[in-house]
PDB file of all heavy atoms in Angstrom:
ATOM      1  N   ARG A   1      18.527  63.541  22.074  1.00  0.00           N
ATOM      2  CA  ARG A   1      18.076  64.991  21.895  1.00  0.00           C
ATOM      3  C   ARG A   1      18.595  65.798  23.029  1.00  0.00           C
ATOM      4  O   ARG A   1      18.572  65.317  24.163  1.00  0.00           O
ATOM      5  CB  ARG A   1      16.525  64.937  21.825  1.00  0.00           C
ATOM      6  CG  ARG A   1      15.943  64.347  20.556  1.00  0.00           C
ATOM      7  CD  ARG A   1      16.192  65.121  19.322  1.00  0.00           C
ATOM      8  NE  ARG A   1      15.500  64.581  18.139  1.00  0.00           N
ATOM      9  CZ  ARG A   1      15.933  63.595  17.413  1.00  0.00           C
ATOM     10  NH1 ARG A   1      17.071  63.008  17.641  1.00  0.00           N
ATOM     11  NH2 ARG A   1      15.199  63.171  16.397  1.00  0.00           N
ATOM     12  N   LEU A   2      18.878  67.096  22.735  1.00  0.00           N
ATOM     13  CA  LEU A   2      19.161  68.027  23.757  1.00  0.00           C
ATOM     14  C   LEU A   2      17.820  68.735  24.121  1.00  0.00           C
ATOM     15  O   LEU A   2      17.121  69.181  23.265  1.00  0.00           O
ATOM     16  CB  LEU A   2      20.185  69.000  23.290  1.00  0.00           C
ATOM     17  CG  LEU A   2      21.527  68.369  22.851  1.00  0.00           C
ATOM     18  CD1 LEU A   2      22.511  69.465  22.371  1.00  0.00           C
ATOM     19  CD2 LEU A   2      22.168  67.530  23.894  1.00  0.00           C
ATOM     20  N   ALA A   3      17.632  68.940  25.429  1.00  0.00           N
ATOM     21  CA  ALA A   3      16.394  69.521  25.878  1.00  0.00           C
ATOM     22  C   ALA A   3      16.227  70.949  25.389  1.00  0.00           C
ATOM     23  O   ALA A   3      15.132  71.321  24.961  1.00  0.00           O
ATOM     24  CB  ALA A   3      16.315  69.439  27.372  1.00  0.00           C
ATOM     25  N   GLY A   4      17.216  71.774  25.520  1.00  0.00           N
ATOM     26  CA  GLY A   4      17.095  73.128  25.100  1.00  0.00           C
ATOM     27  C   GLY A   4      16.327  73.940  26.268  1.00  0.00           C
ATOM     28  O   GLY A   4      15.615  73.445  26.991  1.00  0.00           O
ATOM     29  N   LEU A   5      16.455  75.296  26.167  1.00  0.00           N
ATOM     30  CA  LEU A   5      15.817  76.096  27.168  1.00  0.00           C
ATOM     31  C   LEU A   5      14.253  76.081  27.040  1.00  0.00           C
ATOM     32  O   LEU A   5      13.483  76.240  28.019  1.00  0.00           O
ATOM     33  CB  LEU A   5      16.274  77.504  27.006  1.00  0.00           C
ATOM     34  CG  LEU A   5      17.784  77.780  27.387  1.00  0.00           C
ATOM     35  CD1 LEU A   5      18.144  79.189  27.143  1.00  0.00           C
ATOM     36  CD2 LEU A   5      17.988  77.355  28.851  1.00  0.00           C
ATOM     37  N   ASP A   6      13.755  75.873  25.800  1.00  0.00           N
ATOM     38  CA  ASP A   6      12.292  75.978  25.511  1.00  0.00           C
ATOM     39  C   ASP A   6      11.661  74.541  25.421  1.00  0.00           C
ATOM     40  O   ASP A   6      10.473  74.451  25.216  1.00  0.00           O
ATOM     41  CB  ASP A   6      11.980  76.780  24.340  1.00  0.00           C
ATOM     42  CG  ASP A   6      12.679  76.323  23.101  1.00  0.00           C
ATOM     43  OD1 ASP A   6      13.311  75.168  23.127  1.00  0.00           O
ATOM     44  OD2 ASP A   6      12.577  76.989  22.045  1.00  0.00           O
ATOM     45  N   GLY A   7      12.498  73.535  25.477  1.00  0.00           N
ATOM     46  CA  GLY A   7      11.957  72.186  25.316  1.00  0.00           C
ATOM     47  C   GLY A   7      11.724  71.666  24.008  1.00  0.00           C
ATOM     48  O   GLY A   7      11.327  70.523  23.712  1.00  0.00           O
ATOM     49  N   LYS A   8      11.810  72.556  23.007  1.00  0.00           N
ATOM     50  CA  LYS A   8      11.505  72.153  21.614  1.00  0.00           C
ATOM     51  C   LYS A   8      12.449  71.020  21.053  1.00  0.00           C
ATOM     52  O   LYS A   8      12.093  70.316  20.149  1.00  0.00           O
ATOM     53  CB  LYS A   8      11.550  73.371  20.667  1.00  0.00           C
ATOM     54  CG  LYS A   8      10.384  74.352  21.028  1.00  0.00           C
ATOM     55  CD  LYS A   8      10.443  75.523  20.043  1.00  0.00           C
ATOM     56  CE  LYS A   8       9.300  76.495  20.374  1.00  0.00           C
ATOM     57  NZ  LYS A   8       9.307  77.715  19.494  1.00  0.00           N
ATOM     58  N   GLY A   9      13.598  70.895  21.617  1.00  0.00           N
ATOM     59  CA  GLY A   9      14.518  69.851  21.238  1.00  0.00           C
ATOM     60  C   GLY A   9      13.985  68.433  21.459  1.00  0.00           C
ATOM     61  O   GLY A   9      14.471  67.507  20.793  1.00  0.00           O
ATOM     62  N   LEU A  10      12.953  68.304  22.255  1.00  0.00           N
ATOM     63  CA  LEU A  10      12.397  67.057  22.586  1.00  0.00           C
ATOM     64  C   LEU A  10      11.164  66.717  21.798  1.00  0.00           C
ATOM     65  O   LEU A  10      10.494  65.664  22.019  1.00  0.00           O
ATOM     66  CB  LEU A  10      12.097  66.928  24.090  1.00  0.00           C
ATOM     67  CG  LEU A  10      13.308  67.034  25.046  1.00  0.00           C
ATOM     68  CD1 LEU A  10      12.966  66.865  26.410  1.00  0.00           C
ATOM     69  CD2 LEU A  10      14.411  66.033  24.691  1.00  0.00           C
ATOM     70  N   LYS A  11      10.717  67.656  20.912  1.00  0.00           N
ATOM     71  CA  LYS A  11       9.547  67.383  20.065  1.00  0.00           C
ATOM     72  C   LYS A  11       9.954  66.383  18.973  1.00  0.00           C
ATOM     73  O   LYS A  11      11.115  66.372  18.492  1.00  0.00           O
ATOM     74  CB  LYS A  11       9.107  68.666  19.505  1.00  0.00           C
ATOM     75  CG  LYS A  11       8.379  69.558  20.411  1.00  0.00           C
ATOM     76  CD  LYS A  11       7.794  70.797  19.659  1.00  0.00           C
ATOM     77  CE  LYS A  11       6.915  71.583  20.621  1.00  0.00           C
ATOM     78  NZ  LYS A  11       6.255  72.753  19.868  1.00  0.00           N
ATOM     79  N   GLY A  12       8.976  65.601  18.539  1.00  0.00           N
ATOM     80  CA  GLY A  12       9.216  64.702  17.395  1.00  0.00           C
ATOM     81  C   GLY A  12       9.279  63.231  17.755  1.00  0.00           C
ATOM     82  O   GLY A  12       8.475  62.433  17.278  1.00  0.00           O
ATOM     83  N   PRO A  13      10.266  62.870  18.590  1.00  0.00           N
ATOM     84  CA  PRO A  13      10.380  61.415  18.900  1.00  0.00           C
ATOM     85  C   PRO A  13       9.249  60.856  19.637  1.00  0.00           C
ATOM     86  O   PRO A  13       8.622  61.567  20.451  1.00  0.00           O
ATOM     87  CB  PRO A  13      11.729  61.294  19.727  1.00  0.00           C
ATOM     88  CG  PRO A  13      12.429  62.651  19.445  1.00  0.00           C
ATOM     89  CD  PRO A  13      11.405  63.634  19.193  1.00  0.00           C
ATOM     90  N   HIS A  14       8.883  59.579  19.396  1.00  0.00           N
ATOM     91  CA  HIS A  14       7.867  58.920  20.178  1.00  0.00           C
ATOM     92  C   HIS A  14       8.406  57.611  20.674  1.00  0.00           C
ATOM     93  O   HIS A  14       8.053  56.543  20.125  1.00  0.00           O
ATOM     94  CB  HIS A  14       6.566  58.777  19.424  1.00  0.00           C
ATOM     95  CG  HIS A  14       5.921  60.074  19.086  1.00  0.00           C
ATOM     96  ND1 HIS A  14       5.110  60.735  20.095  1.00  0.00           N
ATOM     97  CD2 HIS A  14       5.956  60.895  17.998  1.00  0.00           C
ATOM     98  CE1 HIS A  14       4.658  61.805  19.549  1.00  0.00           C
ATOM     99  NE2 HIS A  14       5.184  61.986  18.333  1.00  0.00           N
ATOM    100  N   PRO A  15       9.238  57.571  21.729  1.00  0.00           N
ATOM    101  CA  PRO A  15       9.901  56.407  22.167  1.00  0.00           C
ATOM    102  C   PRO A  15       9.114  55.545  23.072  1.00  0.00           C
ATOM    103  O   PRO A  15       8.104  55.929  23.644  1.00  0.00           O
ATOM    104  CB  PRO A  15      11.178  57.034  22.900  1.00  0.00           C
ATOM    105  CG  PRO A  15      10.605  58.219  23.434  1.00  0.00           C
ATOM    106  CD  PRO A  15       9.641  58.782  22.468  1.00  0.00           C
ATOM    107  N   VAL A  16       9.630  54.318  23.188  1.00  0.00           N
ATOM    108  CA  VAL A  16       9.069  53.392  24.208  1.00  0.00           C
ATOM    109  C   VAL A  16       9.830  53.635  25.506  1.00  0.00           C
ATOM    110  O   VAL A  16       9.222  53.475  26.590  1.00  0.00           O
ATOM    111  CB  VAL A  16       9.223  51.908  23.727  1.00  0.00           C
ATOM    112  CG1 VAL A  16       9.037  50.913  24.867  1.00  0.00           C
ATOM    113  CG2 VAL A  16       8.275  51.611  22.631  1.00  0.00           C
ATOM    114  N   MET A  17      11.098  53.959  25.469  1.00  0.00           N
ATOM    115  CA  MET A  17      11.888  54.147  26.636  1.00  0.00           C
ATOM    116  C   MET A  17      12.547  55.474  26.553  1.00  0.00           C
ATOM    117  O   MET A  17      12.986  55.960  25.530  1.00  0.00           O
ATOM    118  CB  MET A  17      12.947  53.055  26.735  1.00  0.00           C
ATOM    119  CG  MET A  17      12.357  51.658  26.702  1.00  0.00           C
ATOM    120  SD  MET A  17      13.689  50.369  26.513  1.00  0.00           S
ATOM    121  CE  MET A  17      14.500  50.542  28.087  1.00  0.00           C
ATOM    122  N   ILE A  18      12.580  56.161  27.714  1.00  0.00           N
ATOM    123  CA  ILE A  18      13.332  57.475  27.821  1.00  0.00           C
ATOM    124  C   ILE A  18      14.315  57.396  28.951  1.00  0.00           C
ATOM    125  O   ILE A  18      14.005  56.914  30.093  1.00  0.00           O
ATOM    126  CB  ILE A  18      12.282  58.628  28.155  1.00  0.00           C
ATOM    127  CG1 ILE A  18      11.331  58.802  26.969  1.00  0.00           C
ATOM    128  CG2 ILE A  18      13.042  59.969  28.375  1.00  0.00           C
ATOM    129  CD1 ILE A  18      10.269  59.819  27.159  1.00  0.00           C
ATOM    130  N   GLU A  19      15.553  57.822  28.684  1.00  0.00           N
ATOM    131  CA  GLU A  19      16.568  58.015  29.705  1.00  0.00           C
ATOM    132  C   GLU A  19      16.946  59.418  29.772  1.00  0.00           C
ATOM    133  O   GLU A  19      17.464  59.918  28.776  1.00  0.00           O
ATOM    134  CB  GLU A  19      17.766  57.170  29.403  1.00  0.00           C
ATOM    135  CG  GLU A  19      17.529  55.608  29.393  1.00  0.00           C
ATOM    136  CD  GLU A  19      17.434  55.024  30.752  1.00  0.00           C
ATOM    137  OE1 GLU A  19      17.866  55.626  31.708  1.00  0.00           O
ATOM    138  OE2 GLU A  19      16.947  53.902  30.869  1.00  0.00           O
ATOM    139  N   MET A  20      16.679  60.182  30.905  1.00  0.00           N
ATOM    140  CA  MET A  20      17.073  61.565  31.033  1.00  0.00           C
ATOM    141  C   MET A  20      18.206  61.623  32.029  1.00  0.00           C
ATOM    142  O   MET A  20      18.091  61.232  33.175  1.00  0.00           O
ATOM    143  CB  MET A  20      15.845  62.370  31.538  1.00  0.00           C
ATOM    144  CG  MET A  20      14.803  62.443  30.531  1.00  0.00           C
ATOM    145  SD  MET A  20      13.257  63.355  31.142  1.00  0.00           S
ATOM    146  CE  MET A  20      13.961  64.996  31.276  1.00  0.00           C
ATOM    147  N   ASP A  21      19.294  62.232  31.591  1.00  0.00           N
ATOM    148  CA  ASP A  21      20.467  62.450  32.507  1.00  0.00           C
ATOM    149  C   ASP A  21      20.516  63.927  32.915  1.00  0.00           C
ATOM    150  O   ASP A  21      20.121  64.855  32.116  1.00  0.00           O
ATOM    151  CB  ASP A  21      21.702  61.984  31.792  1.00  0.00           C
ATOM    152  CG  ASP A  21      22.938  61.932  32.850  1.00  0.00           C
ATOM    153  OD1 ASP A  21      22.701  61.456  33.930  1.00  0.00           O
ATOM    154  OD2 ASP A  21      24.051  62.265  32.450  1.00  0.00           O
ATOM    155  N   GLU A  22      21.063  64.183  34.141  1.00  0.00           N
ATOM    156  CA  GLU A  22      21.092  65.494  34.650  1.00  0.00           C
ATOM    157  C   GLU A  22      19.734  66.115  34.625  1.00  0.00           C
ATOM    158  O   GLU A  22      19.595  67.253  34.293  1.00  0.00           O
ATOM    159  CB  GLU A  22      22.184  66.417  33.974  1.00  0.00           C
ATOM    160  CG  GLU A  22      23.553  65.828  33.897  1.00  0.00           C
ATOM    161  CD  GLU A  22      24.210  65.776  35.254  1.00  0.00           C
ATOM    162  OE1 GLU A  22      23.682  66.488  36.207  1.00  0.00           O
ATOM    163  OE2 GLU A  22      25.204  65.036  35.454  1.00  0.00           O
ATOM    164  N   GLY A  23      18.739  65.377  35.152  1.00  0.00           N
ATOM    165  CA  GLY A  23      17.418  65.794  35.087  1.00  0.00           C
ATOM    166  C   GLY A  23      17.141  67.074  35.836  1.00  0.00           C
ATOM    167  O   GLY A  23      16.192  67.771  35.549  1.00  0.00           O
ATOM    168  N   GLN A  24      17.936  67.343  36.819  1.00  0.00           N
ATOM    169  CA  GLN A  24      17.673  68.557  37.662  1.00  0.00           C
ATOM    170  C   GLN A  24      17.962  69.845  36.825  1.00  0.00           C
ATOM    171  O   GLN A  24      17.448  70.881  37.220  1.00  0.00           O
ATOM    172  CB  GLN A  24      18.531  68.554  38.957  1.00  0.00           C
ATOM    173  CG  GLN A  24      20.020  68.884  38.715  1.00  0.00           C
ATOM    174  CD  GLN A  24      20.821  67.694  38.151  1.00  0.00           C
ATOM    175  OE1 GLN A  24      20.270  66.556  38.085  1.00  0.00           O
ATOM    176  NE2 GLN A  24      22.178  67.893  37.880  1.00  0.00           N
ATOM    177  N   ASP A  25      18.705  69.742  35.774  1.00  0.00           N
ATOM    178  CA  ASP A  25      19.021  70.925  34.948  1.00  0.00           C
ATOM    179  C   ASP A  25      18.134  71.053  33.678  1.00  0.00           C
ATOM    180  O   ASP A  25      18.330  71.946  32.888  1.00  0.00           O
ATOM    181  CB  ASP A  25      20.474  70.898  34.508  1.00  0.00           C
ATOM    182  CG  ASP A  25      21.448  71.022  35.729  1.00  0.00           C
ATOM    183  OD1 ASP A  25      21.129  71.670  36.548  1.00  0.00           O
ATOM    184  OD2 ASP A  25      22.537  70.364  35.662  1.00  0.00           O
ATOM    185  N   ILE A  26      17.245  70.092  33.458  1.00  0.00           N
ATOM    186  CA  ILE A  26      16.351  70.146  32.329  1.00  0.00           C
ATOM    187  C   ILE A  26      15.145  71.046  32.686  1.00  0.00           C
ATOM    188  O   ILE A  26      14.516  70.872  33.694  1.00  0.00           O
ATOM    189  CB  ILE A  26      15.818  68.745  31.950  1.00  0.00           C
ATOM    190  CG1 ILE A  26      16.964  67.960  31.356  1.00  0.00           C
ATOM    191  CG2 ILE A  26      14.682  68.781  30.918  1.00  0.00           C
ATOM    192  CD1 ILE A  26      16.660  66.544  30.920  1.00  0.00           C
ATOM    193  N   PRO A  27      14.890  72.068  31.883  1.00  0.00           N
ATOM    194  CA  PRO A  27      13.795  73.060  32.292  1.00  0.00           C
ATOM    195  C   PRO A  27      12.401  72.494  32.217  1.00  0.00           C
ATOM    196  O   PRO A  27      12.238  71.410  31.576  1.00  0.00           O
ATOM    197  CB  PRO A  27      13.984  74.185  31.161  1.00  0.00           C
ATOM    198  CG  PRO A  27      14.602  73.484  30.047  1.00  0.00           C
ATOM    199  CD  PRO A  27      15.548  72.374  30.630  1.00  0.00           C
ATOM    200  N   GLU A  28      11.504  73.152  32.888  1.00  0.00           N
ATOM    201  CA  GLU A  28      10.160  72.600  33.020  1.00  0.00           C
ATOM    202  C   GLU A  28       9.454  72.608  31.612  1.00  0.00           C
ATOM    203  O   GLU A  28       8.684  71.648  31.318  1.00  0.00           O
ATOM    204  CB  GLU A  28       9.310  73.526  33.922  1.00  0.00           C
ATOM    205  CG  GLU A  28       7.894  73.038  34.157  1.00  0.00           C
ATOM    206  CD  GLU A  28       7.197  73.773  35.230  1.00  0.00           C
ATOM    207  OE1 GLU A  28       7.912  74.401  36.090  1.00  0.00           O
ATOM    208  OE2 GLU A  28       5.978  73.544  35.360  1.00  0.00           O
ATOM    209  N   ALA A  29       9.830  73.502  30.748  1.00  0.00           N
ATOM    210  CA  ALA A  29       9.244  73.474  29.400  1.00  0.00           C
ATOM    211  C   ALA A  29       9.580  72.249  28.695  1.00  0.00           C
ATOM    212  O   ALA A  29       8.756  71.655  27.939  1.00  0.00           O
ATOM    213  CB  ALA A  29       9.765  74.656  28.566  1.00  0.00           C
ATOM    214  N   ALA A  30      10.775  71.609  28.935  1.00  0.00           N
ATOM    215  CA  ALA A  30      11.209  70.383  28.288  1.00  0.00           C
ATOM    216  C   ALA A  30      10.439  69.228  28.869  1.00  0.00           C
ATOM    217  O   ALA A  30      10.027  68.343  28.108  1.00  0.00           O
ATOM    218  CB  ALA A  30      12.649  70.190  28.458  1.00  0.00           C
ATOM    219  N   TYR A  31      10.176  69.282  30.203  1.00  0.00           N
ATOM    220  CA  TYR A  31       9.380  68.251  30.742  1.00  0.00           C
ATOM    221  C   TYR A  31       7.941  68.228  30.171  1.00  0.00           C
ATOM    222  O   TYR A  31       7.358  67.196  29.901  1.00  0.00           O
ATOM    223  CB  TYR A  31       9.324  68.425  32.285  1.00  0.00           C
ATOM    224  CG  TYR A  31      10.472  67.873  32.996  1.00  0.00           C
ATOM    225  CD1 TYR A  31      11.480  68.671  33.495  1.00  0.00           C
ATOM    226  CD2 TYR A  31      10.539  66.474  33.309  1.00  0.00           C
ATOM    227  CE1 TYR A  31      12.571  68.159  34.223  1.00  0.00           C
ATOM    228  CE2 TYR A  31      11.631  65.922  34.026  1.00  0.00           C
ATOM    229  CZ  TYR A  31      12.583  66.766  34.415  1.00  0.00           C
ATOM    230  OH  TYR A  31      13.691  66.293  35.191  1.00  0.00           O
ATOM    231  N   MET A  32       7.473  69.418  29.977  1.00  0.00           N
ATOM    232  CA  MET A  32       6.033  69.450  29.439  1.00  0.00           C
ATOM    233  C   MET A  32       6.088  68.890  27.979  1.00  0.00           C
ATOM    234  O   MET A  32       4.949  68.331  27.594  1.00  0.00           O
ATOM    235  CB  MET A  32       5.613  70.922  29.323  1.00  0.00           C
ATOM    236  CG  MET A  32       5.433  71.625  30.745  1.00  0.00           C
ATOM    237  SD  MET A  32       4.159  70.795  31.770  1.00  0.00           S
ATOM    238  CE  MET A  32       5.149  69.775  32.812  1.00  0.00           C
ATOM    239  N   GLU A  33       7.078  69.041  27.259  1.00  0.00           N
ATOM    240  CA  GLU A  33       7.120  68.534  25.891  1.00  0.00           C
ATOM    241  C   GLU A  33       7.202  66.964  25.860  1.00  0.00           C
ATOM    242  O   GLU A  33       6.618  66.322  25.077  1.00  0.00           O
ATOM    243  CB  GLU A  33       8.261  69.134  25.088  1.00  0.00           C
ATOM    244  CG  GLU A  33       8.068  70.616  24.763  1.00  0.00           C
ATOM    245  CD  GLU A  33       6.953  70.828  23.795  1.00  0.00           C
ATOM    246  OE1 GLU A  33       6.470  69.905  23.137  1.00  0.00           O
ATOM    247  OE2 GLU A  33       6.410  72.048  23.775  1.00  0.00           O
ATOM    248  N   ILE A  34       8.046  66.473  26.831  1.00  0.00           N
ATOM    249  CA  ILE A  34       8.337  65.032  26.808  1.00  0.00           C
ATOM    250  C   ILE A  34       7.243  64.193  27.316  1.00  0.00           C
ATOM    251  O   ILE A  34       7.161  62.994  27.024  1.00  0.00           O
ATOM    252  CB  ILE A  34       9.704  64.792  27.507  1.00  0.00           C
ATOM    253  CG1 ILE A  34      10.344  63.539  26.978  1.00  0.00           C
ATOM    254  CG2 ILE A  34       9.461  64.641  29.045  1.00  0.00           C
ATOM    255  CD1 ILE A  34      11.850  63.374  27.462  1.00  0.00           C
ATOM    256  N   ILE A  35       6.347  64.711  28.153  1.00  0.00           N
ATOM    257  CA  ILE A  35       5.297  63.871  28.822  1.00  0.00           C
ATOM    258  C   ILE A  35       4.531  63.161  27.804  1.00  0.00           C
ATOM    259  O   ILE A  35       4.118  61.974  27.964  1.00  0.00           O
ATOM    260  CB  ILE A  35       4.390  64.795  29.676  1.00  0.00           C
ATOM    261  CG1 ILE A  35       5.190  65.295  30.991  1.00  0.00           C
ATOM    262  CG2 ILE A  35       3.136  64.034  30.084  1.00  0.00           C
ATOM    263  CD1 ILE A  35       4.476  66.290  31.774  1.00  0.00           C
ATOM    264  N   GLU A  36       4.129  63.865  26.658  1.00  0.00           N
ATOM    265  CA  GLU A  36       3.183  63.261  25.696  1.00  0.00           C
ATOM    266  C   GLU A  36       3.948  62.462  24.598  1.00  0.00           C
ATOM    267  O   GLU A  36       3.288  61.914  23.666  1.00  0.00           O
ATOM    268  CB  GLU A  36       2.408  64.304  25.053  1.00  0.00           C
ATOM    269  CG  GLU A  36       1.444  65.123  25.954  1.00  0.00           C
ATOM    270  CD  GLU A  36       0.455  64.166  26.700  1.00  0.00           C
ATOM    271  OE1 GLU A  36       0.078  63.194  26.092  1.00  0.00           O
ATOM    272  OE2 GLU A  36       0.103  64.430  27.810  1.00  0.00           O
ATOM    273  N   THR A  37       5.305  62.454  24.731  1.00  0.00           N
ATOM    274  CA  THR A  37       6.027  61.718  23.681  1.00  0.00           C
ATOM    275  C   THR A  37       6.135  60.236  23.862  1.00  0.00           C
ATOM    276  O   THR A  37       6.104  59.421  22.929  1.00  0.00           O
ATOM    277  CB  THR A  37       7.409  62.288  23.420  1.00  0.00           C
ATOM    278  OG1 THR A  37       8.133  62.069  24.655  1.00  0.00           O
ATOM    279  CG2 THR A  37       7.374  63.774  23.203  1.00  0.00           C
ATOM    280  N   ILE A  38       6.257  59.788  25.173  1.00  0.00           N
ATOM    281  CA  ILE A  38       6.467  58.398  25.449  1.00  0.00           C
ATOM    282  C   ILE A  38       5.281  57.515  25.162  1.00  0.00           C
ATOM    283  O   ILE A  38       4.151  57.979  25.512  1.00  0.00           O
ATOM    284  CB  ILE A  38       6.967  58.203  26.892  1.00  0.00           C
ATOM    285  CG1 ILE A  38       7.380  56.715  27.101  1.00  0.00           C
ATOM    286  CG2 ILE A  38       5.995  58.692  27.883  1.00  0.00           C
ATOM    287  CD1 ILE A  38       8.115  56.492  28.430  1.00  0.00           C
ATOM    288  N   LYS A  39       5.441  56.353  24.609  1.00  0.00           N
ATOM    289  CA  LYS A  39       4.291  55.456  24.385  1.00  0.00           C
ATOM    290  C   LYS A  39       3.999  54.718  25.670  1.00  0.00           C
ATOM    291  O   LYS A  39       4.447  53.565  25.824  1.00  0.00           O
ATOM    292  CB  LYS A  39       4.610  54.559  23.255  1.00  0.00           C
ATOM    293  CG  LYS A  39       4.837  55.278  21.879  1.00  0.00           C
ATOM    294  CD  LYS A  39       5.245  54.282  20.767  1.00  0.00           C
ATOM    295  CE  LYS A  39       5.381  55.022  19.485  1.00  0.00           C
ATOM    296  NZ  LYS A  39       5.802  54.128  18.386  1.00  0.00           N
ATOM    297  N   VAL A  40       3.224  55.378  26.523  1.00  0.00           N
ATOM    298  CA  VAL A  40       3.014  54.775  27.899  1.00  0.00           C
ATOM    299  C   VAL A  40       2.311  53.406  27.858  1.00  0.00           C
ATOM    300  O   VAL A  40       2.423  52.645  28.838  1.00  0.00           O
ATOM    301  CB  VAL A  40       2.210  55.712  28.756  1.00  0.00           C
ATOM    302  CG1 VAL A  40       3.060  57.024  28.967  1.00  0.00           C
ATOM    303  CG2 VAL A  40       0.889  56.019  28.068  1.00  0.00           C
ATOM    304  N   ASN A  41       1.572  53.070  26.793  1.00  0.00           N
ATOM    305  CA  ASN A  41       0.829  51.816  26.817  1.00  0.00           C
ATOM    306  C   ASN A  41       1.692  50.676  26.136  1.00  0.00           C
ATOM    307  O   ASN A  41       1.221  49.539  26.042  1.00  0.00           O
ATOM    308  CB  ASN A  41      -0.479  52.012  25.977  1.00  0.00           C
ATOM    309  CG  ASN A  41      -1.391  52.916  26.734  1.00  0.00           C
ATOM    310  OD1 ASN A  41      -1.572  52.912  27.922  1.00  0.00           O
ATOM    311  ND2 ASN A  41      -2.072  53.819  25.993  1.00  0.00           N
ATOM    312  N   ALA A  42       2.913  50.979  25.755  1.00  0.00           N
ATOM    313  CA  ALA A  42       3.692  49.902  25.186  1.00  0.00           C
ATOM    314  C   ALA A  42       4.117  48.988  26.316  1.00  0.00           C
ATOM    315  O   ALA A  42       4.241  49.333  27.505  1.00  0.00           O
ATOM    316  CB  ALA A  42       4.957  50.503  24.519  1.00  0.00           C
TER     317      ALA A  42
END
């Protein structure tokens, strides 16, 4: 998924593992969206 300026590109998936590349260029809105997507208890 591409993060996008508003972070909406990261909505939907619920992965066990997340790999984010070029994390310094991903906007805060995208971080806010991805926090709740990962299955932290897996």
